[in-house]
Amino acid sequence: QDQRERVVPDELMIHPGLQNEARDGKPLVTLNGVVGSAIARLELEYEDGTVVPVPVTEQFVLFEIPPEHHADKRVVLVGRDAGGTVVARRVVS
């Protein structure tokens, strides 16, 4: 079954991932998963208050966390609808 069919319109089904296959030996930390159909824009807020856009393609998300934020204990994902209203919020740790 298509993962996009398993999420409700305002859901953030996004999880952290860790890969250690980089040539430089440093880990690659990612966020990946799917978002509900009501979510037009996704933002990520780091512990220091920095907010960055997270690309969403056909409800799928794959985003690399930069090395300077690997030590963050928690980040917050914010999903917005087409009008900019917050429709979902999720803490990822």
C-alpha atoms as a PDB file:
ATOM      1  CA  GLN A   1       0.000   0.000   0.000  1.00  0.00           C
ATOM      2  CA  ASP A   2       1.159   3.518  -0.844  1.00  0.00           C
ATOM      3  CA  GLN A   3       2.330   5.254   2.358  1.00  0.00           C
ATOM      4  CA  ARG A   4       0.454   8.403   1.341  1.00  0.00           C
ATOM      5  CA  GLU A   5      -2.812   6.491   1.707  1.00  0.00           C
ATOM      6  CA  ARG A   6      -1.997   5.608   5.329  1.00  0.00           C
ATOM      7  CA  VAL A   7      -1.705   9.182   6.657  1.00  0.00           C
ATOM      8  CA  VAL A   8      -4.562  11.486   7.585  1.00  0.00           C
ATOM      9  CA  PRO A   9      -4.545  14.941   5.928  1.00  0.00           C
ATOM     10  CA  ASP A  10      -2.830  16.741   8.842  1.00  0.00           C
ATOM     11  CA  GLU A  11      -0.360  14.012   9.843  1.00  0.00           C
ATOM     12  CA  LEU A  12       3.447  14.142   9.833  1.00  0.00           C
ATOM     13  CA  MET A  13       4.732  10.565   9.522  1.00  0.00           C
ATOM     14  CA  ILE A  14       8.396  11.560   9.455  1.00  0.00           C
ATOM     15  CA  HIS A  15      11.221   9.766  11.244  1.00  0.00           C
ATOM     16  CA  PRO A  16      14.926  10.375  11.795  1.00  0.00           C
ATOM     17  CA  GLY A  17      17.409   8.185   9.971  1.00  0.00           C
ATOM     18  CA  LEU A  18      21.139   7.615  10.377  1.00  0.00           C
ATOM     19  CA  GLN A  19      23.557   6.321   7.794  1.00  0.00           C
ATOM     20  CA  ASN A  20      27.276   5.811   8.256  1.00  0.00           C
ATOM     21  CA  GLU A  21      28.230   5.209   4.640  1.00  0.00           C
ATOM     22  CA  ALA A  22      29.741   8.601   3.815  1.00  0.00           C
ATOM     23  CA  ARG A  23      33.262   8.457   2.403  1.00  0.00           C
ATOM     24  CA  ASP A  24      34.514  10.961   4.970  1.00  0.00           C
ATOM     25  CA  GLY A  25      33.377   8.680   7.814  1.00  0.00           C
ATOM     26  CA  LYS A  26      30.952  11.248   9.198  1.00  0.00           C
ATOM     27  CA  PRO A  27      27.336  10.199   9.747  1.00  0.00           C
ATOM     28  CA  LEU A  28      24.516  11.290   7.483  1.00  0.00           C
ATOM     29  CA  VAL A  29      21.459  12.209   9.576  1.00  0.00           C
ATOM     30  CA  THR A  30      18.155  12.516   7.738  1.00  0.00           C
ATOM     31  CA  LEU A  31      14.447  13.011   8.237  1.00  0.00           C
ATOM     32  CA  ASN A  32      12.291  10.910   5.943  1.00  0.00           C
ATOM     33  CA  GLY A  33       8.697   9.852   5.523  1.00  0.00           C
ATOM     34  CA  VAL A  34       5.383  11.210   4.285  1.00  0.00           C
ATOM     35  CA  VAL A  35       3.033  14.057   5.147  1.00  0.00           C
ATOM     36  CA  GLY A  36      -0.746  14.295   4.900  1.00  0.00           C
ATOM     37  CA  SER A  37      -2.459  15.840   1.898  1.00  0.00           C
ATOM     38  CA  ALA A  38      -3.359  19.048   3.798  1.00  0.00           C
ATOM     39  CA  ILE A  39       0.306  19.901   4.318  1.00  0.00           C
ATOM     40  CA  ALA A  40       1.564  22.197   1.580  1.00  0.00           C
ATOM     41  CA  ARG A  41       4.709  23.441   3.352  1.00  0.00           C
ATOM     42  CA  LEU A  42       6.967  21.942   5.970  1.00  0.00           C
ATOM     43  CA  GLU A  43       9.425  23.750   8.248  1.00  0.00           C
ATOM     44  CA  LEU A  44      12.029  22.489  10.678  1.00  0.00           C
ATOM     45  CA  GLU A  45      12.949  24.412  13.816  1.00  0.00           C
ATOM     46  CA  TYR A  46      16.300  23.615  15.412  1.00  0.00           C
ATOM     47  CA  GLU A  47      17.090  24.023  19.123  1.00  0.00           C
ATOM     48  CA  ASP A  48      18.788  27.379  18.494  1.00  0.00           C
ATOM     49  CA  GLY A  49      15.573  28.774  16.977  1.00  0.00           C
ATOM     50  CA  THR A  50      16.721  28.585  13.358  1.00  0.00           C
ATOM     51  CA  VAL A  51      13.827  27.707  11.033  1.00  0.00           C
ATOM     52  CA  VAL A  52      14.432  26.175   7.596  1.00  0.00           C
ATOM     53  CA  PRO A  53      12.079  24.960   4.872  1.00  0.00           C
ATOM     54  CA  VAL A  54      11.903  21.214   4.283  1.00  0.00           C
ATOM     55  CA  PRO A  55      11.114  20.163   0.706  1.00  0.00           C
ATOM     56  CA  VAL A  56       7.980  18.071   0.165  1.00  0.00           C
ATOM     57  CA  THR A  57       7.566  16.232  -3.131  1.00  0.00           C
ATOM     58  CA  GLU A  58       4.241  14.496  -3.741  1.00  0.00           C
ATOM     59  CA  GLN A  59       3.863  14.190   0.053  1.00  0.00           C
ATOM     60  CA  PHE A  60       7.293  12.534   0.435  1.00  0.00           C
ATOM     61  CA  VAL A  61      10.098  14.001   2.560  1.00  0.00           C
ATOM     62  CA  LEU A  62      13.817  13.290   2.550  1.00  0.00           C
ATOM     63  CA  PHE A  63      15.915  15.941   4.270  1.00  0.00           C
ATOM     64  CA  GLU A  64      19.518  15.973   5.496  1.00  0.00           C
ATOM     65  CA  ILE A  65      20.205  17.490   8.904  1.00  0.00           C
ATOM     66  CA  PRO A  66      23.420  19.539   8.627  1.00  0.00           C
ATOM     67  CA  PRO A  67      26.344  18.430  10.836  1.00  0.00           C
ATOM     68  CA  GLU A  68      26.128  21.522  13.052  1.00  0.00           C
ATOM     69  CA  HIS A  69      22.702  20.297  14.239  1.00  0.00           C
ATOM     70  CA  HIS A  70      23.518  16.609  14.771  1.00  0.00           C
ATOM     71  CA  ALA A  71      23.824  17.194  18.523  1.00  0.00           C
ATOM     72  CA  ASP A  72      20.364  18.800  18.825  1.00  0.00           C
ATOM     73  CA  LYS A  73      18.314  16.731  21.267  1.00  0.00           C
ATOM     74  CA  ARG A  74      15.041  17.683  19.598  1.00  0.00           C
ATOM     75  CA  VAL A  75      13.810  19.500  16.531  1.00  0.00           C
ATOM     76  CA  VAL A  76      10.258  20.560  15.708  1.00  0.00           C
ATOM     77  CA  LEU A  77       8.538  19.933  12.389  1.00  0.00           C
ATOM     78  CA  VAL A  78       5.743  22.352  11.506  1.00  0.00           C
ATOM     79  CA  GLY A  79       3.306  21.582   8.711  1.00  0.00           C
ATOM     80  CA  ARG A  80       1.355  24.410   7.090  1.00  0.00           C
ATOM     81  CA  ASP A  81      -1.562  24.325   4.695  1.00  0.00           C
ATOM     82  CA  ALA A  82      -1.655  26.290   1.418  1.00  0.00           C
ATOM     83  CA  GLY A  83      -2.811  29.417   3.294  1.00  0.00           C
ATOM     84  CA  GLY A  84       0.068  29.256   5.780  1.00  0.00           C
ATOM     85  CA  THR A  85      -1.951  28.067   8.754  1.00  0.00           C
ATOM     86  CA  VAL A  86      -0.210  25.567  11.068  1.00  0.00           C
ATOM     87  CA  VAL A  87      -2.073  22.259  10.722  1.00  0.00           C
ATOM     88  CA  ALA A  88       0.517  19.882  12.219  1.00  0.00           C
ATOM     89  CA  ARG A  89       3.379  20.045  14.678  1.00  0.00           C
ATOM     90  CA  ARG A  90       5.670  17.231  15.755  1.00  0.00           C
ATOM     91  CA  VAL A  91       8.730  17.022  17.977  1.00  0.00           C
ATOM     92  CA  VAL A  92      11.420  14.733  16.601  1.00  0.00           C
ATOM     93  CA  SER A  93      14.173  13.605  18.939  1.00  0.00           C
END
